[in-house]
Structure formats: structure tokens, C-alpha cells
C-alpha atoms as a PDB file:
ATOM      1  CA  UNK A   1     -44.176 -72.348  22.649  1.00  0.00           C
ATOM      2  CA  UNK A   2     -41.508 -70.511  21.510  1.00  0.00           C
ATOM      3  CA  UNK A   3     -41.407 -67.526  19.654  1.00  0.00           C
ATOM      4  CA  UNK A   4     -40.382 -67.161  15.563  1.00  0.00           C
ATOM      5  CA  UNK A   5     -40.258 -64.055  13.879  1.00  0.00           C
ATOM      6  CA  UNK A   6     -40.754 -64.430  10.238  1.00  0.00           C
ATOM      7  CA  UNK A   7     -39.290 -61.039   7.741  1.00  0.00           C
ATOM      8  CA  UNK A   8     -39.993 -61.063   4.499  1.00  0.00           C
ATOM      9  CA  UNK A   9     -37.748 -58.244   2.781  1.00  0.00           C
ATOM     10  CA  UNK A  10     -38.747 -55.899  -0.370  1.00  0.00           C
ATOM     11  CA  UNK A  11     -37.004 -55.292  -3.758  1.00  0.00           C
ATOM     12  CA  UNK A  12     -35.404 -51.750  -2.501  1.00  0.00           C
ATOM     13  CA  UNK A  13     -33.396 -53.850   0.044  1.00  0.00           C
ATOM     14  CA  UNK A  14     -32.506 -56.393  -2.482  1.00  0.00           C
ATOM     15  CA  UNK A  15     -31.382 -54.283  -5.229  1.00  0.00           C
ATOM     16  CA  UNK A  16     -29.009 -52.117  -2.243  1.00  0.00           C
ATOM     17  CA  UNK A  17     -25.952 -54.121  -1.599  1.00  0.00           C
ATOM     18  CA  UNK A  18     -25.214 -51.852   1.664  1.00  0.00           C
ATOM     19  CA  UNK A  19     -29.098 -52.131   2.780  1.00  0.00           C
ATOM     20  CA  UNK A  20     -29.238 -55.632   1.935  1.00  0.00           C
ATOM     21  CA  UNK A  21     -25.922 -56.022   4.420  1.00  0.00           C
ATOM     22  CA  UNK A  22     -27.324 -53.615   7.004  1.00  0.00           C
ATOM     23  CA  UNK A  23     -30.621 -55.862   6.803  1.00  0.00           C
ATOM     24  CA  UNK A  24     -29.078 -59.172   7.110  1.00  0.00           C
ATOM     25  CA  UNK A  25     -26.808 -58.059  10.081  1.00  0.00           C
ATOM     26  CA  UNK A  26     -29.763 -56.966  12.138  1.00  0.00           C
ATOM     27  CA  UNK A  27     -31.820 -59.979  10.857  1.00  0.00           C
ATOM     28  CA  UNK A  28     -28.798 -62.502  12.288  1.00  0.00           C
ATOM     29  CA  UNK A  29     -28.931 -60.200  15.593  1.00  0.00           C
ATOM     30  CA  UNK A  30     -32.752 -61.422  15.706  1.00  0.00           C
ATOM     31  CA  UNK A  31     -33.354 -63.515  18.906  1.00  0.00           C
ATOM     32  CA  UNK A  32     -34.556 -66.887  19.145  1.00  0.00           C
ATOM     33  CA  UNK A  33     -35.734 -68.699  15.583  1.00  0.00           C
ATOM     34  CA  UNK A  34     -36.281 -67.107  12.360  1.00  0.00           C
ATOM     35  CA  UNK A  35     -37.454 -67.164   8.797  1.00  0.00           C
ATOM     36  CA  UNK A  36     -36.695 -65.107   5.867  1.00  0.00           C
ATOM     37  CA  UNK A  37     -39.011 -64.796   2.924  1.00  0.00           C
ATOM     38  CA  UNK A  38     -37.628 -62.539  -0.422  1.00  0.00           C
ATOM     39  CA  UNK A  39     -38.723 -61.718  -3.799  1.00  0.00           C
ATOM     40  CA  UNK A  40     -36.644 -60.477  -6.617  1.00  0.00           C
ATOM     41  CA  UNK A  41     -39.563 -58.941  -8.909  1.00  0.00           C
ATOM     42  CA  UNK A  42     -37.010 -56.149  -9.578  1.00  0.00           C
ATOM     43  CA  UNK A  43     -34.187 -57.880 -10.437  1.00  0.00           C
ATOM     44  CA  UNK A  44     -36.182 -60.038 -12.816  1.00  0.00           C
ATOM     45  CA  UNK A  45     -37.665 -57.110 -14.135  1.00  0.00           C
ATOM     46  CA  UNK A  46     -34.362 -55.681 -15.094  1.00  0.00           C
ATOM     47  CA  UNK A  47     -33.214 -59.130 -16.851  1.00  0.00           C
ATOM     48  CA  UNK A  48     -35.975 -59.984 -18.579  1.00  0.00           C
ATOM     49  CA  UNK A  49     -35.529 -57.058 -21.473  1.00  0.00           C
ATOM     50  CA  UNK A  50     -32.212 -58.532 -21.672  1.00  0.00           C
ATOM     51  CA  UNK A  51     -33.028 -61.963 -22.469  1.00  0.00           C
ATOM     52  CA  UNK A  52     -35.627 -60.763 -25.056  1.00  0.00           C
ATOM     53  CA  UNK A  53     -38.524 -60.960 -22.912  1.00  0.00           C
ATOM     54  CA  UNK A  54     -40.922 -58.360 -22.422  1.00  0.00           C
ATOM     55  CA  UNK A  55     -41.952 -57.981 -18.858  1.00  0.00           C
ATOM     56  CA  UNK A  56     -45.970 -57.536 -18.622  1.00  0.00           C
ATOM     57  CA  UNK A  57     -47.486 -56.245 -15.551  1.00  0.00           C
ATOM     58  CA  UNK A  58     -51.248 -55.226 -15.010  1.00  0.00           C
ATOM     59  CA  UNK A  59     -52.242 -53.857 -11.746  1.00  0.00           C
ATOM     60  CA  UNK A  60     -48.680 -54.286 -10.141  1.00  0.00           C
ATOM     61  CA  UNK A  61     -48.887 -58.181 -10.715  1.00  0.00           C
ATOM     62  CA  UNK A  62     -46.469 -59.612 -12.885  1.00  0.00           C
ATOM     63  CA  UNK A  63     -48.303 -61.928 -16.067  1.00  0.00           C
ATOM     64  CA  UNK A  64     -45.901 -64.724 -15.884  1.00  0.00           C
ATOM     65  CA  UNK A  65     -45.766 -66.785 -19.204  1.00  0.00           C
ATOM     66  CA  UNK A  66     -43.582 -69.814 -19.801  1.00  0.00           C
ATOM     67  CA  UNK A  67     -40.646 -68.113 -20.682  1.00  0.00           C
ATOM     68  CA  UNK A  68     -40.867 -65.436 -18.057  1.00  0.00           C
ATOM     69  CA  UNK A  69     -41.089 -68.661 -15.278  1.00  0.00           C
ATOM     70  CA  UNK A  70     -37.792 -69.680 -16.494  1.00  0.00           C
ATOM     71  CA  UNK A  71     -36.506 -66.286 -15.641  1.00  0.00           C
ATOM     72  CA  UNK A  72     -38.001 -65.771 -12.318  1.00  0.00           C
ATOM     73  CA  UNK A  73     -37.170 -69.167 -11.323  1.00  0.00           C
ATOM     74  CA  UNK A  74     -33.432 -68.188 -11.761  1.00  0.00           C
ATOM     75  CA  UNK A  75     -33.466 -64.903 -10.487  1.00  0.00           C
ATOM     76  CA  UNK A  76     -35.476 -66.186  -7.135  1.00  0.00           C
ATOM     77  CA  UNK A  77     -34.759 -69.125  -6.491  1.00  0.00           C
ATOM     78  CA  UNK A  78     -31.061 -69.258  -8.002  1.00  0.00           C
ATOM     79  CA  UNK A  79     -29.366 -65.904  -7.836  1.00  0.00           C
ATOM     80  CA  UNK A  80     -30.951 -63.964  -5.016  1.00  0.00           C
ATOM     81  CA  UNK A  81     -31.513 -66.527  -2.761  1.00  0.00           C
ATOM     82  CA  UNK A  82     -28.105 -68.137  -2.895  1.00  0.00           C
ATOM     83  CA  UNK A  83     -26.716 -64.770  -2.557  1.00  0.00           C
ATOM     84  CA  UNK A  84     -28.974 -64.169   0.535  1.00  0.00           C
ATOM     85  CA  UNK A  85     -27.829 -67.444   2.244  1.00  0.00           C
ATOM     86  CA  UNK A  86     -24.350 -67.295   1.438  1.00  0.00           C
ATOM     87  CA  UNK A  87     -24.066 -63.568   2.906  1.00  0.00           C
ATOM     88  CA  UNK A  88     -25.940 -65.148   6.225  1.00  0.00           C
ATOM     89  CA  UNK A  89     -23.916 -68.271   6.504  1.00  0.00           C
ATOM     90  CA  UNK A  90     -20.815 -65.143   6.889  1.00  0.00           C
ATOM     91  CA  UNK A  91     -22.574 -63.666   9.645  1.00  0.00           C
ATOM     92  CA  UNK A  92     -22.830 -66.753  11.588  1.00  0.00           C
ATOM     93  CA  UNK A  93     -26.366 -67.716  10.362  1.00  0.00           C
ATOM     94  CA  UNK A  94     -26.945 -71.815   9.046  1.00  0.00           C
ATOM     95  CA  UNK A  95     -29.300 -70.736   6.593  1.00  0.00           C
ATOM     96  CA  UNK A  96     -31.040 -73.247   4.146  1.00  0.00           C
ATOM     97  CA  UNK A  97     -32.362 -71.618   0.743  1.00  0.00           C
ATOM     98  CA  UNK A  98     -35.865 -73.274  -0.390  1.00  0.00           C
ATOM     99  CA  UNK A  99     -38.779 -72.851  -2.380  1.00  0.00           C
ATOM    100  CA  UNK A 100     -42.221 -73.955  -1.696  1.00  0.00           C
ATOM    101  CA  UNK A 101     -41.100 -77.334  -3.344  1.00  0.00           C
ATOM    102  CA  UNK A 102     -38.265 -78.494  -1.364  1.00  0.00           C
ATOM    103  CA  UNK A 103     -39.729 -80.624   0.878  1.00  0.00           C
ATOM    104  CA  UNK A 104     -43.388 -80.500   0.023  1.00  0.00           C
ATOM    105  CA  UNK A 105     -43.057 -77.454   2.271  1.00  0.00           C
ATOM    106  CA  UNK A 106     -45.454 -74.891   0.252  1.00  0.00           C
ATOM    107  CA  UNK A 107     -48.463 -75.957  -2.020  1.00  0.00           C
ATOM    108  CA  UNK A 108     -50.153 -74.220  -4.258  1.00  0.00           C
ATOM    109  CA  UNK A 109     -52.512 -74.026  -7.785  1.00  0.00           C
ATOM    110  CA  UNK A 110     -52.488 -71.622 -10.479  1.00  0.00           C
ATOM    111  CA  UNK A 111     -54.289 -68.742 -10.395  1.00  0.00           C
ATOM    112  CA  UNK A 112     -57.730 -69.215 -11.938  1.00  0.00           C
ATOM    113  CA  UNK A 113     -58.580 -67.372 -15.117  1.00  0.00           C
ATOM    114  CA  UNK A 114     -61.107 -64.223 -14.924  1.00  0.00           C
ATOM    115  CA  UNK A 115     -61.049 -61.230 -16.168  1.00  0.00           C
ATOM    116  CA  UNK A 116     -56.871 -61.636 -16.026  1.00  0.00           C
ATOM    117  CA  UNK A 117     -54.781 -64.847 -17.090  1.00  0.00           C
ATOM    118  CA  UNK A 118     -52.184 -64.172 -14.855  1.00  0.00           C
ATOM    119  CA  UNK A 119     -50.184 -67.187 -16.273  1.00  0.00           C
ATOM    120  CA  UNK A 120     -47.943 -69.192 -14.083  1.00  0.00           C
ATOM    121  CA  UNK A 121     -49.140 -67.391 -11.014  1.00  0.00           C
ATOM    122  CA  UNK A 122     -49.653 -69.323  -7.622  1.00  0.00           C
ATOM    123  CA  UNK A 123     -52.265 -69.386  -5.051  1.00  0.00           C
ATOM    124  CA  UNK A 124     -50.978 -70.789  -1.623  1.00  0.00           C
ATOM    125  CA  UNK A 125     -53.192 -73.710  -0.746  1.00  0.00           C
ATOM    126  CA  UNK A 126     -50.836 -75.265   2.195  1.00  0.00           C
ATOM    127  CA  UNK A 127     -47.797 -75.095   3.943  1.00  0.00           C
ATOM    128  CA  UNK A 128     -46.099 -77.794   5.771  1.00  0.00           C
ATOM    129  CA  UNK A 129     -45.491 -76.208   8.847  1.00  0.00           C
ATOM    130  CA  UNK A 130     -44.525 -79.517  10.613  1.00  0.00           C
ATOM    131  CA  UNK A 131     -41.472 -80.397   7.912  1.00  0.00           C
ATOM    132  CA  UNK A 132     -40.384 -76.271   8.335  1.00  0.00           C
ATOM    133  CA  UNK A 133     -40.560 -76.689  12.325  1.00  0.00           C
ATOM    134  CA  UNK A 134     -38.178 -79.711  12.306  1.00  0.00           C
ATOM    135  CA  UNK A 135     -35.621 -77.605   9.993  1.00  0.00           C
ATOM    136  CA  UNK A 136     -35.762 -74.967  12.360  1.00  0.00           C
ATOM    137  CA  UNK A 137     -35.324 -77.319  15.442  1.00  0.00           C
ATOM    138  CA  UNK A 138     -31.990 -78.721  14.360  1.00  0.00           C
ATOM    139  CA  UNK A 139     -30.837 -75.293  13.795  1.00  0.00           C
ATOM    140  CA  UNK A 140     -31.068 -74.094  10.244  1.00  0.00           C
ATOM    141  CA  UNK A 141     -32.822 -70.642   9.293  1.00  0.00           C
ATOM    142  CA  UNK A 142     -35.188 -71.420   5.990  1.00  0.00           C
ATOM    143  CA  UNK A 143     -34.591 -68.438   3.940  1.00  0.00           C
ATOM    144  CA  UNK A 144     -37.735 -68.835   1.366  1.00  0.00           C
ATOM    145  CA  UNK A 145     -38.119 -67.522  -2.660  1.00  0.00           C
ATOM    146  CA  UNK A 146     -41.379 -66.556  -3.896  1.00  0.00           C
ATOM    147  CA  UNK A 147     -41.861 -69.904  -5.895  1.00  0.00           C
ATOM    148  CA  UNK A 148     -44.459 -72.421  -5.185  1.00  0.00           C
ATOM    149  CA  UNK A 149     -45.216 -75.858  -6.720  1.00  0.00           C
ATOM    150  CA  UNK A 150     -48.831 -77.456  -7.495  1.00  0.00           C
ATOM    151  CA  UNK A 151     -47.544 -80.879  -6.720  1.00  0.00           C
ATOM    152  CA  UNK A 152     -47.813 -81.868 -10.278  1.00  0.00           C
ATOM    153  CA  UNK A 153     -44.381 -80.892 -11.131  1.00  0.00           C
ATOM    154  CA  UNK A 154     -45.223 -77.271 -12.052  1.00  0.00           C
ATOM    155  CA  UNK A 155     -43.490 -74.271  -9.933  1.00  0.00           C
ATOM    156  CA  UNK A 156     -45.733 -71.369 -10.079  1.00  0.00           C
ATOM    157  CA  UNK A 157     -44.537 -67.616  -9.566  1.00  0.00           C
ATOM    158  CA  UNK A 158     -46.328 -66.695  -6.132  1.00  0.00           C
ATOM    159  CA  UNK A 159     -46.134 -63.234  -4.088  1.00  0.00           C
ATOM    160  CA  UNK A 160     -43.978 -62.986  -1.164  1.00  0.00           C
ATOM    161  CA  UNK A 161     -46.129 -60.945   1.052  1.00  0.00           C
ATOM    162  CA  UNK A 162     -48.711 -63.898   0.573  1.00  0.00           C
ATOM    163  CA  UNK A 163     -45.641 -66.582   1.310  1.00  0.00           C
ATOM    164  CA  UNK A 164     -44.844 -64.720   4.550  1.00  0.00           C
ATOM    165  CA  UNK A 165     -48.347 -64.608   5.702  1.00  0.00           C
ATOM    166  CA  UNK A 166     -49.154 -68.084   4.802  1.00  0.00           C
ATOM    167  CA  UNK A 167     -45.901 -69.582   5.924  1.00  0.00           C
ATOM    168  CA  UNK A 168     -46.357 -67.717   9.347  1.00  0.00           C
ATOM    169  CA  UNK A 169     -49.700 -69.400   9.667  1.00  0.00           C
ATOM    170  CA  UNK A 170     -48.548 -72.525   9.423  1.00  0.00           C
ATOM    171  CA  UNK A 171     -46.619 -72.427  11.554  1.00  0.00           C
ATOM    172  CA  UNK A 172     -48.610 -71.004  14.285  1.00  0.00           C
ATOM    173  CA  UNK A 173     -49.298 -74.032  15.995  1.00  0.00           C
ATOM    174  CA  UNK A 174     -45.820 -74.842  16.702  1.00  0.00           C
ATOM    175  CA  UNK A 175     -44.663 -71.356  17.532  1.00  0.00           C
ATOM    176  CA  UNK A 176     -45.919 -67.376  18.738  1.00  0.00           C
ATOM    177  CA  UNK A 177     -45.178 -66.124  15.141  1.00  0.00           C
ATOM    178  CA  UNK A 178     -44.619 -62.073  14.573  1.00  0.00           C
ATOM    179  CA  UNK A 179     -44.757 -60.995  10.650  1.00  0.00           C
ATOM    180  CA  UNK A 180     -42.139 -58.232   9.590  1.00  0.00           C
ATOM    181  CA  UNK A 181     -42.832 -56.512   6.391  1.00  0.00           C
ATOM    182  CA  UNK A 182     -39.492 -54.384   6.241  1.00  0.00           C
ATOM    183  CA  UNK A 183     -39.640 -51.888   3.214  1.00  0.00           C
ATOM    184  CA  UNK A 184     -38.269 -48.611   2.388  1.00  0.00           C
ATOM    185  CA  UNK A 185     -41.118 -46.592   4.352  1.00  0.00           C
ATOM    186  CA  UNK A 186     -40.948 -46.489   8.196  1.00  0.00           C
ATOM    187  CA  UNK A 187     -44.477 -47.832   8.520  1.00  0.00           C
ATOM    188  CA  UNK A 188     -48.086 -47.363   7.410  1.00  0.00           C
ATOM    189  CA  UNK A 189     -48.766 -43.733   6.838  1.00  0.00           C
ATOM    190  CA  UNK A 190     -51.355 -41.427   7.512  1.00  0.00           C
ATOM    191  CA  UNK A 191     -50.027 -39.158   4.563  1.00  0.00           C
ATOM    192  CA  UNK A 192     -48.009 -40.430   1.523  1.00  0.00           C
ATOM    193  CA  UNK A 193     -46.676 -37.175   1.076  1.00  0.00           C
ATOM    194  CA  UNK A 194     -45.380 -37.153   4.638  1.00  0.00           C
ATOM    195  CA  UNK A 195     -42.973 -40.001   5.699  1.00  0.00           C
ATOM    196  CA  UNK A 196     -43.114 -38.755   9.080  1.00  0.00           C
ATOM    197  CA  UNK A 197     -47.000 -39.498   9.386  1.00  0.00           C
ATOM    198  CA  UNK A 198     -46.264 -43.029  10.750  1.00  0.00           C
ATOM    199  CA  UNK A 199     -49.536 -44.777  12.233  1.00  0.00           C
ATOM    200  CA  UNK A 200     -47.982 -46.929  14.907  1.00  0.00           C
ATOM    201  CA  UNK A 201     -50.649 -48.501  15.560  1.00  0.00           C
ATOM    202  CA  UNK A 202     -53.523 -50.429  13.798  1.00  0.00           C
ATOM    203  CA  UNK A 203     -56.745 -52.982  14.880  1.00  0.00           C
ATOM    204  CA  UNK A 204     -59.462 -54.448  13.150  1.00  0.00           C
ATOM    205  CA  UNK A 205     -61.480 -51.329  13.728  1.00  0.00           C
ATOM    206  CA  UNK A 206     -59.045 -48.855  13.238  1.00  0.00           C
ATOM    207  CA  UNK A 207     -57.725 -50.342   9.785  1.00  0.00           C
ATOM    208  CA  UNK A 208     -61.683 -50.232   8.388  1.00  0.00           C
ATOM    209  CA  UNK A 209     -62.123 -46.648   8.987  1.00  0.00           C
ATOM    210  CA  UNK A 210     -58.383 -46.168   7.530  1.00  0.00           C
ATOM    211  CA  UNK A 211     -59.482 -47.785   4.418  1.00  0.00           C
ATOM    212  CA  UNK A 212     -63.271 -45.866   4.188  1.00  0.00           C
ATOM    213  CA  UNK A 213     -61.148 -42.454   4.629  1.00  0.00           C
ATOM    214  CA  UNK A 214     -58.713 -43.835   1.683  1.00  0.00           C
ATOM    215  CA  UNK A 215     -56.115 -43.531   3.794  1.00  0.00           C
ATOM    216  CA  UNK A 216     -55.250 -47.043   3.233  1.00  0.00           C
ATOM    217  CA  UNK A 217     -55.313 -47.824  -0.665  1.00  0.00           C
ATOM    218  CA  UNK A 218     -54.034 -48.977  -3.566  1.00  0.00           C
ATOM    219  CA  UNK A 219     -50.675 -51.004  -3.419  1.00  0.00           C
ATOM    220  CA  UNK A 220     -50.866 -51.122   0.654  1.00  0.00           C
ATOM    221  CA  UNK A 221     -54.710 -52.862   0.447  1.00  0.00           C
ATOM    222  CA  UNK A 222     -53.234 -56.262  -0.545  1.00  0.00           C
ATOM    223  CA  UNK A 223     -50.138 -55.739   1.695  1.00  0.00           C
ATOM    224  CA  UNK A 224     -52.816 -55.126   4.514  1.00  0.00           C
ATOM    225  CA  UNK A 225     -55.354 -57.924   3.564  1.00  0.00           C
ATOM    226  CA  UNK A 226     -52.538 -60.607   4.280  1.00  0.00           C
ATOM    227  CA  UNK A 227     -51.691 -59.105   7.688  1.00  0.00           C
ATOM    228  CA  UNK A 228     -55.084 -59.031   8.692  1.00  0.00           C
ATOM    229  CA  UNK A 229     -55.796 -62.586   7.082  1.00  0.00           C
ATOM    230  CA  UNK A 230     -52.526 -63.867   9.360  1.00  0.00           C
ATOM    231  CA  UNK A 231     -53.733 -62.519  12.612  1.00  0.00           C
ATOM    232  CA  UNK A 232     -57.035 -63.820  12.097  1.00  0.00           C
ATOM    233  CA  UNK A 233     -55.294 -67.528  11.419  1.00  0.00           C
ATOM    234  CA  UNK A 234     -53.293 -67.753  14.656  1.00  0.00           C
ATOM    235  CA  UNK A 235     -50.445 -65.233  13.761  1.00  0.00           C
ATOM    236  CA  UNK A 236     -49.629 -63.336  16.912  1.00  0.00           C
ATOM    237  CA  UNK A 237     -48.785 -59.711  15.365  1.00  0.00           C
ATOM    238  CA  UNK A 238     -47.302 -57.868  12.350  1.00  0.00           C
ATOM    239  CA  UNK A 239     -44.656 -55.105  12.156  1.00  0.00           C
ATOM    240  CA  UNK A 240     -44.212 -52.790   9.193  1.00  0.00           C
ATOM    241  CA  UNK A 241     -41.477 -50.407   8.489  1.00  0.00           C
ATOM    242  CA  UNK A 242     -38.061 -50.107   7.521  1.00  0.00           C
ATOM    243  CA  UNK A 243     -34.787 -51.368   9.091  1.00  0.00           C
ATOM    244  CA  UNK A 244     -34.974 -49.547  12.237  1.00  0.00           C
ATOM    245  CA  UNK A 245     -37.781 -51.688  13.016  1.00  0.00           C
ATOM    246  CA  UNK A 246     -34.894 -54.257  14.310  1.00  0.00           C
ATOM    247  CA  UNK A 247     -33.129 -51.399  16.865  1.00  0.00           C
ATOM    248  CA  UNK A 248     -34.087 -51.898  20.101  1.00  0.00           C
ATOM    249  CA  UNK A 249     -34.194 -48.093  20.519  1.00  0.00           C
ATOM    250  CA  UNK A 250     -36.909 -47.877  18.027  1.00  0.00           C
ATOM    251  CA  UNK A 251     -40.625 -47.630  18.317  1.00  0.00           C
ATOM    252  CA  UNK A 252     -41.551 -45.791  14.814  1.00  0.00           C
ATOM    253  CA  UNK A 253     -43.040 -48.468  12.781  1.00  0.00           C
ATOM    254  CA  UNK A 254     -46.468 -49.940  12.361  1.00  0.00           C
ATOM    255  CA  UNK A 255     -47.502 -52.874  15.127  1.00  0.00           C
ATOM    256  CA  UNK A 256     -51.073 -54.504  13.437  1.00  0.00           C
ATOM    257  CA  UNK A 257     -52.902 -56.757  16.365  1.00  0.00           C
ATOM    258  CA  UNK A 258     -57.001 -57.810  16.059  1.00  0.00           C
END
């Protein structure tokens, strides 16, 4: 099978025009087939008050009511997505911007209400790897925003890390898939107060130990859960780090394997 890189970029890169340009240049230079996944939550959070809508967050997760969904749809699927696609075109990459509703590529369901009602938040149910694979094979580079749909006409705000993992799993029968989670840190840190304490390799066993010792905690836990969920379901490897991951000589990032 051919190799496929699936890269997710965080909000700090999207918000910094110089960092975004640098990232997209490196992304364009990645060999072989590739997919880009992005969010846009910081931009949406800035815009909501300007439109008279109060941003609502619980435990770091957005409450997506009907008004908020309209804004995140405009920001994720419009402003951010099309800006990224246009910049990739300028770098010689024939990108196509997509939500999960486009070509029915990512199906989801509204998150069930338990202790918290997250509103129009989506949990991924399925990915059409065959259709995405066809787009790749005709020379297109998919750029997914953090929106899915429920097959009943309803768009859903969906975590971009989760979309990345599920798309990688959905394509693992068609490609050798590697996930890159690109954010502002060099990798997973042993000590959050020491930016140079990157843990370069994490396996299932060492991950359990790191969680038990409280080294991996809070916001990093759901990201790592997505990583190992992907690895257990056909993804070859996962890499976590900053832009340096895409520079050949650099080895200072975190690689996850089973």
C-alpha cells in the first residue's frame, strides 16, 4: 500500500499568519499523499462576542448551541478552510476543502446528553475511506474542517483531533497511514515546565505508566486517547510535535506506537 500522511494543525498555527505560511510550505513539501485537518476554535471564540453571542465552554469543550453552530460553520468551513485551501494552491498543492457532509465522507451523531448538554456536538460514527481515497488518487489533497453531519441534514461541530484519528482509521485499509498532530510544543513533555523534556517514544506500556504517574494528564489525555485508538485500529504510527517534525534533520518530537 502507498503511504498517506494525515496532519492536524492547532489553533495557534492558524492564528499566526507567519506560522501558518511556514507550516503550509512544509506540508506542501511532504512526500506522497496527504490530508490536512484543522479546527478554528480560537477564531470562532473571538468572533462570537462580536456577534452578540457568549462563548460557552465546559472542561475545555465548547457548548454548541444553534447560534454558535452558525458561527463555527462560517469560521471552520468558510473563513479558515478556504484561506488554507487558497494558500495551498499558491504552493502547488491542488487542495479541496471539505466538511464531513461533503460527499458524505464523515458521518456522526449528536453527542448524547448525560451530565452536560454539548448541543450540536458530533461524535463520529463512520468514515467513507473509499470516497476520500478516490479524491486522493485523482490528485487532490483533502483539507477537512471540524464539521460533520448526521445524514439527516444537521451539521455537527466535531473535535478536530477526533476527526483526524477517525479519518486515518477509515483510510488504513487503503494506505499505510501516519498521523501528525502539530501544535506549539516540541512533543509530549515529561515536565510541563521544561519545554526541552520531550518524551521521544511512547508505547502502550509506557503510556499507562505516564498516566499513572500524572505526567500525562488533563488536556493531553483526550488527544492521547485518540492516538492509541487510531493505532489499535490500523494506523501505522502517530507523531506529536511542532513544525520541526517536518524537517528531515529534526528528531525532537514524540512518536507513538503500540
